[in-house]
C-alpha atoms as a PDB file:
ATOM      1  CA  MET A   1      -3.380  18.358   0.786  1.00  0.00           C
ATOM      2  CA  THR A   2      -3.652  20.747   3.710  1.00  0.00           C
ATOM      3  CA  ASP A   3      -5.371  20.720   7.100  1.00  0.00           C
ATOM      4  CA  SER A   4      -7.202  23.998   6.476  1.00  0.00           C
ATOM      5  CA  HIS A   5     -10.558  22.283   5.838  1.00  0.00           C
ATOM      6  CA  THR A   6     -13.219  21.979   8.518  1.00  0.00           C
ATOM      7  CA  GLU A   7     -15.468  18.964   8.813  1.00  0.00           C
ATOM      8  CA  ASP A   8     -18.404  21.063   7.554  1.00  0.00           C
ATOM      9  CA  ASP A   9     -16.326  22.120   4.534  1.00  0.00           C
ATOM     10  CA  LEU A  10     -15.578  18.517   3.647  1.00  0.00           C
ATOM     11  CA  ARG A  11     -19.151  17.362   4.155  1.00  0.00           C
ATOM     12  CA  THR A  12     -20.379  20.148   1.859  1.00  0.00           C
ATOM     13  CA  VAL A  13     -17.872  19.149  -0.837  1.00  0.00           C
ATOM     14  CA  ALA A  14     -18.698  15.464  -0.417  1.00  0.00           C
ATOM     15  CA  ASP A  15     -22.434  16.105  -0.690  1.00  0.00           C
ATOM     16  CA  ALA A  16     -21.915  18.026  -3.943  1.00  0.00           C
ATOM     17  CA  ASP A  17     -19.463  15.466  -5.375  1.00  0.00           C
ATOM     18  CA  PRO A  18     -21.139  12.650  -7.356  1.00  0.00           C
ATOM     19  CA  ARG A  19     -18.267  10.292  -6.633  1.00  0.00           C
ATOM     20  CA  THR A  20     -18.495   7.735  -3.868  1.00  0.00           C
ATOM     21  CA  MET A  21     -16.268   7.906  -0.800  1.00  0.00           C
ATOM     22  CA  TRP A  22     -14.398   4.921  -2.254  1.00  0.00           C
ATOM     23  CA  GLU A  23     -13.665   6.818  -5.469  1.00  0.00           C
ATOM     24  CA  ARG A  24     -12.496   9.829  -3.479  1.00  0.00           C
ATOM     25  CA  MET A  25     -10.286   7.586  -1.324  1.00  0.00           C
ATOM     26  CA  VAL A  26      -8.543   5.927  -4.263  1.00  0.00           C
ATOM     27  CA  ALA A  27      -8.001   9.366  -5.847  1.00  0.00           C
ATOM     28  CA  GLY A  28      -6.104  10.490  -2.741  1.00  0.00           C
ATOM     29  CA  GLU A  29      -8.715  12.971  -1.568  1.00  0.00           C
ATOM     30  CA  TYR A  30     -10.390  13.336   1.809  1.00  0.00           C
ATOM     31  CA  TYR A  31     -12.842  10.552   2.575  1.00  0.00           C
ATOM     32  CA  LEU A  32     -14.624   9.178   5.613  1.00  0.00           C
ATOM     33  CA  SER A  33     -13.138   5.908   6.799  1.00  0.00           C
ATOM     34  CA  THR A  34     -16.474   5.118   8.453  1.00  0.00           C
ATOM     35  CA  ASP A  35     -18.330   5.078   5.125  1.00  0.00           C
ATOM     36  CA  PRO A  36     -20.385   1.833   5.047  1.00  0.00           C
ATOM     37  CA  ALA A  37     -19.030   0.663   1.680  1.00  0.00           C
ATOM     38  CA  ILE A  38     -15.445   1.291   2.756  1.00  0.00           C
ATOM     39  CA  SER A  39     -15.985  -0.440   6.082  1.00  0.00           C
ATOM     40  CA  ALA A  40     -17.511  -3.443   4.311  1.00  0.00           C
ATOM     41  CA  ALA A  41     -14.607  -3.662   1.865  1.00  0.00           C
ATOM     42  CA  SER A  42     -12.128  -3.498   4.727  1.00  0.00           C
ATOM     43  CA  LEU A  43     -13.875  -6.286   6.609  1.00  0.00           C
ATOM     44  CA  ALA A  44     -14.023  -8.447   3.477  1.00  0.00           C
ATOM     45  CA  ALA A  45     -10.286  -7.980   2.911  1.00  0.00           C
ATOM     46  CA  ARG A  46      -9.410  -8.833   6.512  1.00  0.00           C
ATOM     47  CA  SER A  47     -11.584 -11.919   6.260  1.00  0.00           C
ATOM     48  CA  ALA A  48      -9.831 -12.920   3.023  1.00  0.00           C
ATOM     49  CA  CYS A  49      -6.434 -12.456   4.678  1.00  0.00           C
ATOM     50  CA  PHE A  50      -7.590 -14.656   7.551  1.00  0.00           C
ATOM     51  CA  ARG A  51      -8.721 -17.397   5.163  1.00  0.00           C
ATOM     52  CA  LEU A  52      -5.432 -17.156   3.316  1.00  0.00           C
ATOM     53  CA  SER A  53      -3.558 -17.556   6.593  1.00  0.00           C
ATOM     54  CA  GLN A  54      -5.441 -20.819   7.181  1.00  0.00           C
ATOM     55  CA  THR A  55      -4.434 -22.231   3.790  1.00  0.00           C
ATOM     56  CA  ASP A  56      -1.499 -24.612   3.487  1.00  0.00           C
ATOM     57  CA  PRO A  57       1.104 -22.926   1.223  1.00  0.00           C
ATOM     58  CA  ALA A  58       1.861 -26.388  -0.149  1.00  0.00           C
ATOM     59  CA  ASP A  59      -1.581 -26.270  -1.785  1.00  0.00           C
ATOM     60  CA  THR A  60      -0.175 -23.938  -4.402  1.00  0.00           C
ATOM     61  CA  GLU A  61      -3.287 -23.800  -6.572  1.00  0.00           C
ATOM     62  CA  ALA A  62      -5.575 -22.745  -3.720  1.00  0.00           C
ATOM     63  CA  TRP A  63      -2.984 -20.309  -2.389  1.00  0.00           C
ATOM     64  CA  ASP A  64      -2.408 -18.631  -5.746  1.00  0.00           C
ATOM     65  CA  ALA A  65      -6.146 -18.439  -6.474  1.00  0.00           C
ATOM     66  CA  GLN A  66      -6.835 -16.697  -3.163  1.00  0.00           C
ATOM     67  CA  VAL A  67      -4.008 -14.205  -3.661  1.00  0.00           C
ATOM     68  CA  ARG A  68      -5.250 -13.374  -7.146  1.00  0.00           C
ATOM     69  CA  ASP A  69      -8.815 -13.011  -5.901  1.00  0.00           C
ATOM     70  CA  LEU A  70      -7.716 -10.686  -3.089  1.00  0.00           C
ATOM     71  CA  LEU A  71      -5.426  -8.366  -5.058  1.00  0.00           C
ATOM     72  CA  GLY A  72      -6.248  -6.001  -7.897  1.00  0.00           C
ATOM     73  CA  SER A  73      -3.877  -7.607 -10.379  1.00  0.00           C
ATOM     74  CA  VAL A  74      -1.081 -10.161 -10.204  1.00  0.00           C
ATOM     75  CA  GLY A  75       1.362 -10.925 -12.993  1.00  0.00           C
ATOM     76  CA  THR A  76       2.786 -14.255 -14.063  1.00  0.00           C
ATOM     77  CA  ALA A  77       5.305 -16.148 -11.921  1.00  0.00           C
ATOM     78  CA  THR A  78       4.550 -13.850  -8.968  1.00  0.00           C
ATOM     79  CA  GLU A  79       4.704 -15.285  -5.455  1.00  0.00           C
ATOM     80  CA  VAL A  80       3.360 -13.922  -2.168  1.00  0.00           C
ATOM     81  CA  TRP A  81       4.262 -15.769   1.010  1.00  0.00           C
ATOM     82  CA  GLN A  82       2.224 -16.168   4.169  1.00  0.00           C
ATOM     83  CA  GLY A  83       1.345 -13.418   6.623  1.00  0.00           C
ATOM     84  CA  LEU A  84       0.015 -10.931   4.067  1.00  0.00           C
ATOM     85  CA  ARG A  85      -2.217  -8.201   5.522  1.00  0.00           C
ATOM     86  CA  VAL A  86      -3.999  -5.571   3.433  1.00  0.00           C
ATOM     87  CA  ASP A  87      -6.537  -2.798   3.850  1.00  0.00           C
ATOM     88  CA  TYR A  88      -8.586  -3.664   0.756  1.00  0.00           C
ATOM     89  CA  GLY A  89      -6.399  -5.626  -1.649  1.00  0.00           C
ATOM     90  CA  THR A  90      -8.093  -4.389  -4.801  1.00  0.00           C
ATOM     91  CA  ASN A  91      -5.760  -1.378  -5.022  1.00  0.00           C
ATOM     92  CA  ILE A  92      -2.630  -3.565  -5.057  1.00  0.00           C
ATOM     93  CA  HIS A  93      -1.024  -4.351  -8.411  1.00  0.00           C
ATOM     94  CA  LEU A  94       1.931  -6.705  -8.793  1.00  0.00           C
ATOM     95  CA  GLY A  95       3.904  -7.151 -12.005  1.00  0.00           C
ATOM     96  CA  ASP A  96       5.471 -10.321 -13.390  1.00  0.00           C
ATOM     97  CA  ASP A  97       7.998 -12.340 -11.378  1.00  0.00           C
ATOM     98  CA  VAL A  98       7.450 -10.416  -8.120  1.00  0.00           C
ATOM     99  CA  PHE A  99       8.371 -12.065  -4.820  1.00  0.00           C
ATOM    100  CA  ILE A 100       6.980 -10.845  -1.485  1.00  0.00           C
ATOM    101  CA  ASN A 101       8.392 -12.590   1.573  1.00  0.00           C
ATOM    102  CA  VAL A 102       6.518 -13.316   4.815  1.00  0.00           C
ATOM    103  CA  ASP A 103       4.489 -10.867   6.915  1.00  0.00           C
ATOM    104  CA  ALA A 104       4.011  -8.061   4.413  1.00  0.00           C
ATOM    105  CA  THR A 105       1.564  -5.286   5.318  1.00  0.00           C
ATOM    106  CA  ILE A 106       0.114  -3.308   2.415  1.00  0.00           C
ATOM    107  CA  LEU A 107      -2.334  -0.556   3.384  1.00  0.00           C
ATOM    108  CA  ASP A 108      -3.843   0.285   0.032  1.00  0.00           C
ATOM    109  CA  VAL A 109      -6.278   3.167   0.421  1.00  0.00           C
ATOM    110  CA  CYS A 110      -4.510   4.398  -2.737  1.00  0.00           C
ATOM    111  CA  PRO A 111      -2.877   2.230  -5.398  1.00  0.00           C
ATOM    112  CA  VAL A 112       0.274   0.291  -4.519  1.00  0.00           C
ATOM    113  CA  THR A 113       2.082  -0.835  -7.674  1.00  0.00           C
ATOM    114  CA  LEU A 114       5.152  -3.083  -7.812  1.00  0.00           C
ATOM    115  CA  GLY A 115       6.918  -3.462 -11.153  1.00  0.00           C
ATOM    116  CA  ASP A 116       8.268  -6.653 -12.677  1.00  0.00           C
ATOM    117  CA  HIS A 117      10.997  -8.623 -10.868  1.00  0.00           C
ATOM    118  CA  CYS A 118      10.680  -6.833  -7.505  1.00  0.00           C
ATOM    119  CA  ARG A 119      12.051  -8.722  -4.496  1.00  0.00           C
ATOM    120  CA  ILE A 120      10.523  -7.712  -1.160  1.00  0.00           C
ATOM    121  CA  GLY A 121      12.079  -8.933   2.101  1.00  0.00           C
ATOM    122  CA  PRO A 122      10.161 -10.135   5.161  1.00  0.00           C
ATOM    123  CA  GLY A 123       8.120  -7.726   7.252  1.00  0.00           C
ATOM    124  CA  ALA A 124       7.815  -5.031   4.575  1.00  0.00           C
ATOM    125  CA  LYS A 125       5.254  -2.270   5.048  1.00  0.00           C
ATOM    126  CA  PHE A 126       3.624  -0.169   2.323  1.00  0.00           C
ATOM    127  CA  LEU A 127       1.604   2.611   3.959  1.00  0.00           C
ATOM    128  CA  THR A 128      -0.551   4.797   1.705  1.00  0.00           C
ATOM    129  CA  PRO A 129      -2.966   6.276   4.323  1.00  0.00           C
ATOM    130  CA  LEU A 130      -2.499   9.792   5.657  1.00  0.00           C
ATOM    131  CA  HIS A 131      -4.323  11.685   8.396  1.00  0.00           C
ATOM    132  CA  PRO A 132      -4.757  15.416   9.065  1.00  0.00           C
ATOM    133  CA  LEU A 133      -1.639  16.496  10.933  1.00  0.00           C
ATOM    134  CA  GLU A 134      -2.582  19.778  12.572  1.00  0.00           C
ATOM    135  CA  ASN A 135      -6.382  19.682  12.450  1.00  0.00           C
ATOM    136  CA  HIS A 136      -7.012  17.389  15.415  1.00  0.00           C
ATOM    137  CA  GLU A 137     -10.804  17.642  15.236  1.00  0.00           C
ATOM    138  CA  LEU A 138     -10.799  16.627  11.575  1.00  0.00           C
ATOM    139  CA  ARG A 139      -8.600  13.627  12.343  1.00  0.00           C
ATOM    140  CA  ALA A 140     -10.752  12.588  15.305  1.00  0.00           C
ATOM    141  CA  SER A 141     -13.920  12.761  13.196  1.00  0.00           C
ATOM    142  CA  GLY A 142     -12.640  10.053  10.830  1.00  0.00           C
ATOM    143  CA  TRP A 143     -11.546  12.027   7.770  1.00  0.00           C
ATOM    144  CA  GLU A 144      -8.473  10.597   6.039  1.00  0.00           C
ATOM    145  CA  TYR A 145      -6.692  10.790   2.709  1.00  0.00           C
ATOM    146  CA  GLY A 146      -3.792   8.993   1.072  1.00  0.00           C
ATOM    147  CA  ALA A 147      -1.173   8.945  -1.655  1.00  0.00           C
ATOM    148  CA  PRO A 148      -0.056   6.095  -3.936  1.00  0.00           C
ATOM    149  CA  ILE A 149       3.163   4.095  -3.730  1.00  0.00           C
ATOM    150  CA  THR A 150       4.926   2.957  -6.898  1.00  0.00           C
ATOM    151  CA  LEU A 151       7.974   0.723  -7.304  1.00  0.00           C
ATOM    152  CA  GLY A 152       9.725   0.379 -10.643  1.00  0.00           C
ATOM    153  CA  ARG A 153      11.254  -2.785 -12.088  1.00  0.00           C
ATOM    154  CA  ASN A 154      13.819  -4.975 -10.345  1.00  0.00           C
ATOM    155  CA  VAL A 155      13.619  -3.298  -6.927  1.00  0.00           C
ATOM    156  CA  TRP A 156      15.057  -5.206  -3.953  1.00  0.00           C
ATOM    157  CA  PHE A 157      14.041  -4.481  -0.355  1.00  0.00           C
ATOM    158  CA  GLY A 158      15.868  -5.973   2.601  1.00  0.00           C
ATOM    159  CA  GLY A 159      13.847  -7.158   5.578  1.00  0.00           C
ATOM    160  CA  GLY A 160      11.636  -4.729   7.454  1.00  0.00           C
ATOM    161  CA  VAL A 161      11.610  -1.888   4.942  1.00  0.00           C
ATOM    162  CA  THR A 162       8.781   0.640   5.341  1.00  0.00           C
ATOM    163  CA  VAL A 163       7.575   2.783   2.437  1.00  0.00           C
ATOM    164  CA  CYS A 164       5.479   5.847   3.261  1.00  0.00           C
ATOM    165  CA  ALA A 165       2.595   7.391   1.345  1.00  0.00           C
ATOM    166  CA  GLY A 166       3.324   9.156  -1.922  1.00  0.00           C
ATOM    167  CA  VAL A 167       6.720   7.555  -2.559  1.00  0.00           C
ATOM    168  CA  THR A 168       7.926   6.506  -6.014  1.00  0.00           C
ATOM    169  CA  VAL A 169      10.966   4.244  -6.290  1.00  0.00           C
ATOM    170  CA  GLY A 170      12.795   3.957  -9.604  1.00  0.00           C
ATOM    171  CA  ASP A 171      14.146   0.889 -11.395  1.00  0.00           C
ATOM    172  CA  ASN A 172      17.011  -1.282 -10.118  1.00  0.00           C
ATOM    173  CA  VAL A 173      16.921   0.213  -6.615  1.00  0.00           C
ATOM    174  CA  VAL A 174      18.176  -1.629  -3.530  1.00  0.00           C
ATOM    175  CA  VAL A 175      16.938  -0.510  -0.094  1.00  0.00           C
ATOM    176  CA  GLY A 176      18.761  -1.784   2.981  1.00  0.00           C
ATOM    177  CA  ALA A 177      17.048  -3.741   5.745  1.00  0.00           C
ATOM    178  CA  GLY A 178      15.104  -1.709   8.272  1.00  0.00           C
ATOM    179  CA  SER A 179      15.066   1.468   6.193  1.00  0.00           C
ATOM    180  CA  VAL A 180      12.109   3.874   6.143  1.00  0.00           C
ATOM    181  CA  VAL A 181      11.555   5.373   2.702  1.00  0.00           C
ATOM    182  CA  THR A 182       9.870   8.759   3.086  1.00  0.00           C
ATOM    183  CA  ARG A 183      10.824  10.362  -0.256  1.00  0.00           C
ATOM    184  CA  ASP A 184      11.198   9.344  -3.894  1.00  0.00           C
ATOM    185  CA  LEU A 185      14.295   7.378  -4.886  1.00  0.00           C
ATOM    186  CA  PRO A 186      15.797   7.615  -8.382  1.00  0.00           C
ATOM    187  CA  SER A 187      16.724   4.569 -10.440  1.00  0.00           C
ATOM    188  CA  ASP A 188      19.952   2.608 -10.004  1.00  0.00           C
ATOM    189  CA  VAL A 189      20.819   3.533  -6.411  1.00  0.00           C
ATOM    190  CA  LEU A 190      21.427   1.922  -3.024  1.00  0.00           C
ATOM    191  CA  ALA A 191      19.529   3.631  -0.186  1.00  0.00           C
ATOM    192  CA  VAL A 192      19.705   2.911   3.540  1.00  0.00           C
ATOM    193  CA  GLY A 193      18.630   4.413   6.847  1.00  0.00           C
ATOM    194  CA  THR A 194      15.754   6.248   8.495  1.00  0.00           C
ATOM    195  CA  PRO A 195      14.829   8.224   6.555  1.00  0.00           C
ATOM    196  CA  ALA A 196      16.410   6.324   3.645  1.00  0.00           C
ATOM    197  CA  GLN A 197      19.263   8.172   1.965  1.00  0.00           C
ATOM    198  CA  VAL A 198      21.042   7.358  -1.273  1.00  0.00           C
ATOM    199  CA  VAL A 199      24.564   6.154  -0.454  1.00  0.00           C
ATOM    200  CA  ARG A 200      25.777   5.281  -3.933  1.00  0.00           C
ATOM    201  CA  GLU A 201      24.813   4.503  -7.507  1.00  0.00           C
ATOM    202  CA  LEU A 202      24.482   0.928  -8.736  1.00  0.00           C
END
């Protein structure tokens, strides 16, 4: 994805494309964040997150039902603690036996997929949105795009880990607290730092 497009270019392509802005967004292509359907979905998700925040976690049935209604798919024995914030929710897919600690932020303009047995520390951030870097007019006019985030099986994040758009993390990976993951990580490694670097195999 480059910044070489103009707003007129993108509007011409969008007008000729039968797909909705939502479909273009999920595919990782340029879309308008001000599109009415996208804006409505965002508001609905924020409202759902607010309602979830008002639910007593001890009411496990109500809590689990709301999480499953908000997210795209949730496996068995998966647990999400309070403070969850999402862009849309429907593009988030959690495998079996996943645990997400408090205050997770998952911006899911593109799919965010966590494999089975992932353990996510408090304050994690999964950030799929991207904005034009050099084309300031395009960015100011509301055009955005994104890239998916995928975690393999049995991944463990310490507290405050941030994962940037387009990153794939392999199986059995441990990422140290406070790290910012900007590039793919292979399986069976420990990575730490900003940007996260592999320090050894596991």
